[in-house]
Protein backbone atom coordinates (compact mmCIF):
# COMPACT_ATOMS: atom_id res chain seq x y z
CA MET A 1 -67.87 -48.21 -7.43
CA SER A 2 -68.41 -46.09 -4.32
CA LYS A 3 -67.73 -42.37 -4.74
CA GLN A 4 -67.31 -41.86 -1.00
CA LEU A 5 -64.32 -39.72 -0.05
CA ALA A 6 -61.99 -40.72 2.76
CA SER A 7 -63.07 -39.27 6.09
CA ARG A 8 -59.68 -37.61 6.56
CA VAL A 9 -60.36 -35.23 3.64
CA GLU A 10 -64.10 -34.83 4.11
CA ALA A 11 -63.43 -33.15 7.45
CA LEU A 12 -61.03 -30.59 5.99
CA SER A 13 -61.93 -26.93 5.58
CA PRO A 14 -60.62 -25.17 2.45
CA SER A 15 -57.97 -22.50 2.87
CA ALA A 16 -59.70 -19.13 3.28
CA THR A 17 -56.54 -17.41 2.06
CA LEU A 18 -56.35 -19.32 -1.22
CA ALA A 19 -60.10 -19.20 -1.84
CA ILE A 20 -60.50 -15.43 -1.65
CA THR A 21 -57.24 -14.86 -3.53
CA ALA A 22 -58.52 -17.08 -6.34
CA LYS A 23 -61.79 -15.12 -6.52
CA ALA A 24 -59.90 -11.83 -6.62
CA LYS A 25 -57.76 -13.12 -9.50
CA GLU A 26 -60.89 -14.17 -11.39
CA MET A 27 -62.36 -10.68 -11.00
CA LYS A 28 -59.09 -9.09 -12.07
CA ALA A 29 -58.95 -11.34 -15.14
CA ALA A 30 -62.47 -10.17 -15.99
CA GLY A 31 -61.25 -6.57 -16.08
CA LYS A 32 -62.13 -5.47 -12.52
CA ASP A 33 -59.72 -3.09 -10.79
CA VAL A 34 -59.14 -5.35 -7.80
CA ILE A 35 -56.51 -4.68 -5.14
CA GLY A 36 -55.49 -7.92 -3.48
CA LEU A 37 -54.46 -7.76 0.17
CA GLY A 38 -54.93 -11.48 0.64
CA ALA A 39 -52.10 -13.90 -0.06
CA GLY A 40 -49.07 -13.79 2.19
CA GLU A 41 -46.00 -13.42 0.02
CA PRO A 42 -43.47 -10.62 -0.46
CA ASP A 43 -43.96 -8.44 -3.53
CA TYR A 44 -40.20 -8.49 -4.22
CA ASN A 45 -38.61 -10.81 -6.74
CA THR A 46 -36.11 -13.37 -5.51
CA PRO A 47 -32.65 -11.69 -5.22
CA ASP A 48 -30.46 -11.88 -8.33
CA ASN A 49 -27.62 -13.84 -6.71
CA ILE A 50 -30.09 -16.61 -5.84
CA LEU A 51 -31.51 -16.66 -9.36
CA GLU A 52 -27.98 -16.90 -10.77
CA ALA A 53 -27.09 -19.75 -8.44
CA ALA A 54 -30.18 -21.69 -9.52
CA TRP A 55 -29.44 -21.11 -13.20
CA GLN A 56 -25.80 -22.13 -12.78
CA SER A 57 -26.81 -25.34 -11.01
CA MET A 58 -29.00 -26.28 -13.96
CA LYS A 59 -26.25 -25.49 -16.47
CA ASP A 60 -23.91 -27.67 -14.41
CA GLY A 61 -26.29 -30.60 -14.78
CA LYS A 62 -27.49 -30.60 -11.19
CA THR A 63 -31.03 -31.57 -12.15
CA LYS A 64 -31.31 -35.13 -10.82
CA TYR A 65 -32.69 -36.75 -7.67
CA THR A 66 -31.21 -35.74 -4.34
CA PRO A 67 -31.42 -37.48 -0.95
CA SER A 68 -34.99 -37.50 0.35
CA GLY A 69 -34.13 -35.30 3.31
CA GLY A 70 -32.29 -32.74 1.21
CA LEU A 71 -28.82 -32.05 -0.12
CA PRO A 72 -26.05 -32.36 2.50
CA GLU A 73 -24.77 -28.95 1.35
CA LEU A 74 -28.16 -27.38 2.06
CA LYS A 75 -28.36 -29.05 5.46
CA ASP A 76 -24.94 -27.56 6.21
CA ALA A 77 -26.16 -24.13 5.09
CA VAL A 78 -29.15 -24.46 7.44
CA ILE A 79 -26.85 -25.53 10.28
CA ARG A 80 -24.68 -22.45 9.72
CA LYS A 81 -27.78 -20.25 9.57
CA LEU A 82 -29.00 -21.57 12.93
CA GLU A 83 -25.56 -21.08 14.47
CA ARG A 84 -25.32 -17.55 13.06
CA ASP A 85 -28.82 -16.35 13.90
CA GLN A 86 -29.86 -18.36 16.96
CA GLN A 87 -26.52 -19.57 18.37
CA LEU A 88 -27.90 -23.11 18.16
CA THR A 89 -25.91 -26.20 17.20
CA TYR A 90 -27.43 -29.02 15.14
CA SER A 91 -26.09 -32.00 13.20
CA ARG A 92 -27.17 -33.13 9.74
CA GLN A 93 -29.17 -35.93 11.39
CA GLU A 94 -31.33 -33.28 13.09
CA ILE A 95 -32.17 -31.43 9.84
CA MET A 96 -34.65 -32.30 7.09
CA ILE A 97 -35.34 -30.21 4.01
CA GLY A 98 -38.91 -30.25 2.72
CA ILE A 99 -41.05 -28.79 -0.04
CA GLY A 100 -41.78 -25.59 1.85
CA ALA A 101 -42.39 -25.12 5.57
CA LYS A 102 -46.01 -26.22 5.05
CA HIS A 103 -44.93 -29.64 3.80
CA VAL A 104 -42.46 -29.92 6.68
CA LEU A 105 -45.24 -29.23 9.19
CA TYR A 106 -47.53 -31.74 7.46
CA THR A 107 -44.85 -34.42 7.58
CA LEU A 108 -44.09 -33.67 11.23
CA PHE A 109 -47.71 -34.09 12.32
CA GLN A 110 -47.98 -37.31 10.30
CA THR A 111 -44.90 -38.54 12.14
CA ILE A 112 -45.63 -37.63 15.78
CA LEU A 113 -49.44 -37.87 16.05
CA ASP A 114 -51.57 -40.94 16.65
CA PRO A 115 -55.39 -40.84 16.43
CA GLY A 116 -56.78 -38.93 19.38
CA ASP A 117 -53.57 -37.08 20.24
CA GLU A 118 -54.24 -33.43 21.08
CA VAL A 119 -52.29 -30.41 19.86
CA ILE A 120 -52.71 -27.03 21.54
CA ILE A 121 -53.06 -24.25 18.95
CA PRO A 122 -53.20 -20.57 19.96
CA ALA A 123 -55.82 -18.54 18.10
CA PRO A 124 -55.72 -16.51 15.93
CA TYR A 125 -53.79 -19.20 14.05
CA TRP A 126 -52.46 -19.86 10.58
CA VAL A 127 -55.26 -21.58 8.69
CA SER A 128 -53.47 -24.87 8.03
CA TYR A 129 -52.49 -25.80 11.60
CA PRO A 130 -55.84 -27.30 12.66
CA GLU A 131 -56.40 -28.96 9.29
CA GLN A 132 -52.98 -30.61 9.25
CA VAL A 133 -53.48 -31.88 12.79
CA LYS A 134 -56.88 -33.31 11.84
CA VAL A 135 -55.63 -35.07 8.73
CA ALA A 136 -52.98 -36.76 10.90
CA GLY A 137 -55.75 -38.07 13.16
CA GLY A 138 -55.04 -35.54 15.89
CA ILE A 139 -57.41 -33.21 17.71
CA PRO A 140 -56.80 -29.44 17.55
CA VAL A 141 -57.32 -27.79 20.95
CA ILE A 142 -57.83 -24.09 20.35
CA VAL A 143 -56.72 -21.62 23.02
CA GLU A 144 -57.91 -18.09 22.30
CA ALA A 145 -55.55 -15.15 22.73
CA ALA A 146 -57.22 -11.81 23.37
CA ALA A 147 -56.44 -8.54 21.62
CA SER A 148 -55.81 -7.08 25.07
CA ALA A 149 -52.96 -9.60 25.43
CA GLU A 150 -51.55 -8.64 22.01
CA TYR A 151 -52.99 -11.88 20.61
CA LYS A 152 -50.48 -13.97 22.59
CA VAL A 153 -51.50 -16.90 24.77
CA THR A 154 -50.07 -17.21 28.26
CA ALA A 155 -48.47 -20.16 29.99
CA PRO A 156 -51.46 -20.53 32.39
CA GLN A 157 -53.81 -20.68 29.39
CA ILE A 158 -51.73 -23.45 27.83
CA GLU A 159 -51.51 -25.37 31.09
CA ALA A 160 -55.28 -25.17 31.55
CA ALA A 161 -55.71 -26.82 28.13
CA VAL A 162 -53.34 -29.72 28.81
CA THR A 163 -54.88 -33.18 29.19
CA PRO A 164 -53.35 -36.68 29.31
CA LYS A 165 -53.80 -36.76 25.50
CA THR A 166 -51.86 -33.57 24.80
CA LYS A 167 -48.85 -34.26 22.57
CA ALA A 168 -47.65 -30.86 21.39
CA VAL A 169 -48.02 -27.09 21.48
CA ILE A 170 -47.70 -24.92 18.37
CA LEU A 171 -46.04 -21.51 18.59
CA ASN A 172 -45.81 -19.05 15.71
CA SER A 173 -43.64 -16.00 16.37
CA PRO A 174 -43.79 -13.62 14.56
CA GLY A 175 -47.33 -14.74 14.02
CA ASN A 176 -49.63 -15.11 11.05
CA PRO A 177 -52.17 -13.44 11.02
CA THR A 178 -51.35 -11.28 14.06
CA GLY A 179 -47.76 -10.19 13.45
CA MET A 180 -47.12 -10.45 17.19
CA VAL A 181 -43.81 -11.56 18.71
CA TYR A 182 -43.38 -13.52 21.95
CA THR A 183 -40.83 -12.15 24.41
CA ARG A 184 -38.09 -14.26 25.96
CA GLN A 185 -39.91 -14.23 29.31
CA GLU A 186 -43.21 -15.33 27.75
CA LEU A 187 -41.44 -18.16 25.94
CA GLN A 188 -39.65 -19.23 29.11
CA GLU A 189 -42.96 -19.56 30.96
CA ILE A 190 -44.43 -21.61 28.12
CA ALA A 191 -41.30 -23.79 27.97
CA ASP A 192 -41.66 -24.50 31.69
CA VAL A 193 -45.22 -25.76 31.15
CA CYS A 194 -44.09 -27.97 28.27
CA ARG A 195 -41.28 -29.41 30.39
CA LYS A 196 -43.67 -30.07 33.28
CA HIS A 197 -46.08 -32.00 31.04
CA ASP A 198 -43.45 -33.45 28.68
CA LEU A 199 -44.83 -31.88 25.48
CA TRP A 200 -43.31 -31.35 22.07
CA ILE A 201 -43.04 -27.71 20.95
CA VAL A 202 -43.61 -26.92 17.27
CA SER A 203 -42.03 -23.50 16.71
CA ASP A 204 -42.99 -21.98 13.36
CA GLU A 205 -40.41 -19.23 12.74
CA ILE A 206 -41.01 -18.59 9.04
CA TYR A 207 -41.35 -14.80 9.60
CA GLU A 208 -38.23 -14.64 11.75
CA LYS A 209 -36.47 -12.04 9.58
CA LEU A 210 -39.43 -9.64 9.50
CA ILE A 211 -39.25 -7.91 12.89
CA TYR A 212 -39.99 -4.23 13.55
CA GLY A 213 -39.30 -1.62 16.19
CA PRO A 214 -37.80 -2.81 19.48
CA ALA A 215 -39.14 -6.36 19.12
CA GLU A 216 -36.60 -9.20 19.12
CA HIS A 217 -36.97 -12.64 17.64
CA VAL A 218 -36.16 -15.37 20.16
CA SER A 219 -36.51 -19.03 19.31
CA ILE A 220 -37.86 -21.02 22.23
CA ALA A 221 -35.11 -23.55 21.47
CA GLN A 222 -32.55 -20.94 22.55
CA LEU A 223 -33.72 -20.87 26.16
CA ASN A 224 -32.05 -23.99 27.52
CA GLY A 225 -31.16 -27.58 26.72
CA ASP A 226 -34.54 -29.00 27.70
CA ALA A 227 -36.42 -26.51 25.52
CA LYS A 228 -34.13 -27.24 22.57
CA GLY A 229 -34.57 -30.99 23.00
CA ARG A 230 -38.36 -30.84 22.80
CA THR A 231 -38.60 -28.11 20.12
CA PHE A 232 -38.96 -28.54 16.38
CA ILE A 233 -37.92 -25.34 14.60
CA ILE A 234 -39.79 -24.88 11.33
CA ASN A 235 -38.43 -22.29 8.91
CA GLY A 236 -37.57 -21.71 5.27
CA VAL A 237 -36.66 -19.22 2.58
CA SER A 238 -40.17 -18.30 1.44
CA LYS A 239 -40.71 -15.10 3.42
CA SER A 240 -37.13 -14.16 4.32
CA HIS A 241 -35.76 -14.31 0.78
CA SER A 242 -38.99 -13.82 -1.22
CA MET A 243 -38.91 -17.42 -2.47
CA THR A 244 -42.49 -18.56 -1.88
CA GLY A 245 -42.74 -20.41 -5.19
CA TRP A 246 -39.41 -22.21 -4.82
CA ARG A 247 -40.91 -24.35 -2.01
CA ILE A 248 -38.01 -24.96 0.35
CA GLY A 249 -38.44 -25.26 4.10
CA PHE A 250 -36.65 -27.12 6.87
CA ILE A 251 -37.06 -28.65 10.29
CA ALA A 252 -34.44 -28.75 13.04
CA GLY A 253 -35.07 -31.06 15.96
CA ASP A 254 -34.96 -34.53 17.49
CA SER A 255 -32.96 -36.85 15.22
CA VAL A 256 -35.26 -39.86 15.72
CA VAL A 257 -38.29 -37.88 14.59
CA VAL A 258 -36.37 -36.24 11.74
CA LYS A 259 -35.22 -39.66 10.48
CA ALA A 260 -38.81 -40.94 10.52
CA MET A 261 -39.98 -37.82 8.71
CA THR A 262 -37.31 -38.37 6.07
CA ASN A 263 -38.47 -41.98 5.59
CA LEU A 264 -42.05 -40.78 5.16
CA ALA A 265 -40.99 -38.10 2.67
CA SER A 266 -39.11 -40.70 0.64
CA HIS A 267 -42.45 -42.40 -0.05
CA SER A 268 -44.41 -39.21 -0.74
CA THR A 269 -42.19 -36.68 -2.51
CA SER A 270 -38.86 -38.46 -3.25
CA ASN A 271 -36.96 -35.21 -2.64
CA PRO A 272 -37.35 -31.43 -2.59
CA VAL A 273 -36.89 -29.76 -5.99
CA THR A 274 -33.19 -29.97 -6.84
CA THR A 275 -32.84 -26.53 -8.44
CA SER A 276 -34.67 -24.93 -5.53
CA GLN A 277 -32.27 -26.54 -3.09
CA TYR A 278 -29.27 -25.00 -4.84
CA ALA A 279 -31.06 -21.66 -4.80
CA ALA A 280 -31.64 -22.03 -1.05
CA ILE A 281 -27.96 -22.81 -0.45
CA GLU A 282 -27.13 -19.44 -1.97
CA ALA A 283 -29.94 -17.78 -0.02
CA TYR A 284 -28.41 -18.88 3.29
CA ASN A 285 -24.71 -18.71 2.36
CA GLY A 286 -24.74 -15.60 0.21
CA PRO A 287 -25.12 -11.89 1.08
CA GLN A 288 -28.14 -10.98 3.20
CA ASP A 289 -28.48 -7.33 2.12
CA ALA A 290 -31.70 -7.95 0.20
CA VAL A 291 -33.31 -9.50 3.29
CA GLU A 292 -32.68 -6.34 5.33
CA THR A 293 -33.78 -4.07 2.46
CA MET A 294 -37.10 -5.87 2.27
CA ARG A 295 -37.55 -5.80 6.07
CA LYS A 296 -36.98 -2.05 6.19
CA ASP A 297 -39.47 -1.48 3.39
CA PHE A 298 -42.15 -3.54 5.14
CA GLU A 299 -41.55 -1.62 8.35
CA SER A 300 -41.89 1.68 6.49
CA ARG A 301 -45.18 0.56 4.95
CA LEU A 302 -46.47 -0.50 8.37
CA GLU A 303 -45.65 2.87 9.90
CA LYS A 304 -47.49 4.69 7.12
CA ILE A 305 -50.51 2.45 6.74
CA TYR A 306 -51.27 1.63 10.37
CA PRO A 307 -52.64 5.08 11.35
CA GLN A 308 -54.70 5.21 8.16
CA LEU A 309 -56.28 1.87 8.99
CA GLU A 310 -56.95 2.97 12.58
CA ALA A 311 -58.81 6.01 11.24
CA ILE A 312 -61.48 3.83 9.56
CA PRO A 313 -64.69 3.94 11.64
CA GLY A 314 -65.24 0.75 13.63
CA PHE A 315 -61.72 -0.61 13.09
CA ARG A 316 -59.47 -1.40 16.07
CA THR A 317 -56.01 -2.83 15.34
CA VAL A 318 -53.23 -4.07 17.60
CA LYS A 319 -50.05 -2.79 15.96
CA PRO A 320 -47.99 -5.79 14.81
CA GLN A 321 -44.31 -6.30 15.59
CA GLY A 322 -43.44 -8.57 12.68
CA ALA A 323 -44.53 -10.41 9.51
CA PHE A 324 -46.56 -8.30 7.02
CA TYR A 325 -50.15 -8.51 8.19
CA LEU A 326 -52.64 -6.26 9.94
CA LEU A 327 -55.54 -7.84 11.81
CA PRO A 328 -58.16 -5.19 12.60
CA ASP A 329 -61.09 -6.13 14.79
CA VAL A 330 -64.14 -4.93 12.85
CA SER A 331 -66.85 -5.76 15.42
CA GLU A 332 -68.08 -2.18 15.59
CA ALA A 333 -67.98 -1.79 11.81
CA LEU A 334 -70.08 -4.96 11.41
CA GLU A 335 -72.61 -3.65 13.89
CA HIS A 336 -73.01 -0.32 12.10
CA THR A 337 -72.91 -1.59 8.50
CA GLY A 338 -75.45 -4.38 8.97
CA TYR A 339 -73.22 -7.34 8.18
CA THR A 340 -73.70 -10.37 10.40
CA ASP A 341 -70.20 -11.81 10.09
CA VAL A 342 -66.74 -11.09 8.72
CA ASP A 343 -67.21 -13.51 5.82
CA SER A 344 -70.10 -11.54 4.34
CA PHE A 345 -68.27 -8.29 5.12
CA ALA A 346 -65.15 -9.44 3.24
CA GLU A 347 -67.25 -10.72 0.33
CA ALA A 348 -69.04 -7.39 0.02
CA LEU A 349 -65.75 -5.52 0.27
CA LEU A 350 -64.43 -7.52 -2.66
CA GLU A 351 -67.54 -7.23 -4.81
CA GLU A 352 -68.42 -3.59 -4.06
CA ALA A 353 -65.07 -1.95 -3.28
CA ASN A 354 -62.79 -4.27 -5.29
CA VAL A 355 -60.52 -4.94 -2.31
CA ALA A 356 -59.62 -8.50 -1.33
CA VAL A 357 -59.03 -9.18 2.37
CA ILE A 358 -59.16 -12.45 4.29
CA PRO A 359 -61.98 -12.98 6.83
CA GLY A 360 -60.61 -13.79 10.25
CA SER A 361 -62.96 -16.75 10.63
CA GLY A 362 -60.40 -18.85 8.76
CA PHE A 363 -57.86 -17.97 11.44
CA GLY A 364 -60.13 -18.75 14.38
CA SER A 365 -60.86 -15.05 14.89
CA ALA A 366 -64.51 -14.36 14.09
CA THR A 367 -64.47 -10.55 14.44
CA THR A 368 -61.35 -9.68 12.41
CA ILE A 369 -60.10 -9.40 8.84
CA ARG A 370 -56.52 -9.86 7.69
CA LEU A 371 -54.80 -7.43 5.36
CA SER A 372 -51.36 -8.07 3.89
CA TYR A 373 -49.16 -5.04 3.34
CA ALA A 374 -46.81 -6.96 1.07
CA THR A 375 -47.68 -4.71 -1.83
CA SER A 376 -46.81 -1.18 -2.98
CA MET A 377 -47.63 1.87 -0.86
CA ASP A 378 -49.72 3.34 -3.69
CA LEU A 379 -51.93 0.26 -3.78
CA LEU A 380 -52.08 0.05 0.01
CA GLU A 381 -53.22 3.63 0.37
CA GLU A 382 -55.78 3.26 -2.40
CA ALA A 383 -57.09 0.07 -0.77
CA ILE A 384 -57.45 1.80 2.60
CA LYS A 385 -59.35 4.66 0.92
CA ARG A 386 -61.73 2.19 -0.68
CA ILE A 387 -62.28 0.31 2.58
CA ARG A 388 -62.95 3.54 4.45
CA ALA A 389 -65.39 4.72 1.77
CA PHE A 390 -67.16 1.35 1.85
CA VAL A 391 -67.58 1.50 5.63
CA GLU A 392 -68.68 5.14 5.68
CA ASP A 393 -71.15 4.66 2.83
CA ASN A 394 -72.77 1.73 4.62
CA TRP A 395 -72.59 3.17 8.17
CA LYS A 396 -75.85 3.36 10.04
CA ASP A 397 -76.14 4.94 13.49
């Protein structure tokens, strides 16, 4: 029997985030004092009211199959959330619940892409965008956003990348790994390009609730009817309500596509986890105090840690406006410490300084590293001290 793997998986790159996080956990299990600034999940537990709702649903016997596209009650909770937060109106037929926003994105690309279709992806990008496009037979078209432009692509950049094969544009605001937020005007200009060339817009808004300073979250679907009609909003409870492990995300968009996605999900996952769906209903319908408490804490950490990071020799960081990541450009540090790339730099940082960061190469950003500040201030400050000592000890003029 042939041991050949299918070409669709042979072409995939492993997740840099999960790989380095796994190595850090191995070192920690072996007794090493490792500080992990890798994986992107809040360090808060899921709020008590959500835990209670999940437990009550199980005691009430709500542990069976649900509709493939999610519980009607959860769809209604999502609809109310979108009305409340974005002033957008959707029907149940335009909503699908999936096993986390990642699964929703995967199912969307499987549904709208044919072999050879192109998807424009701004870089730096979340690691799974290009891989999910590739496994659906599509072609990722990377458009690089410069640090000088706050790591945001412009409408002219997107238009220059459009070809007759372009099917969609991905937007992620607030962004992972950059933490940057697109303004209403920037989104309007991008929406105009997408209208001109009749493109789908995939708007990943999973960090929507984590916004800092004067920045404002605007969904591109809010701009006008045309933008709403061609936009798929992707969101979920993972980051907003510290529910990463519960695996509940949703899509809001064109009903024909959503119906096809639901049909596909019925053959791949049957339904999202029932208990998690009841937890998510409470997350959206219940009090939102914990969401704001967590946001304020992340903002406080950012304000404290950002100047400390900037003080490290050879580090240059665009201050983020959302999410919980910092993306310093370490070009100068690489030059003066003798490392040829960010991968070897991050590996040495883990092995010699016991600090786990994610090399930017996995995000399409070859001169950066990503640090998550979704951990305690004590650990953050200790990690920054270790990184600074590592750089200074290895610095060569």
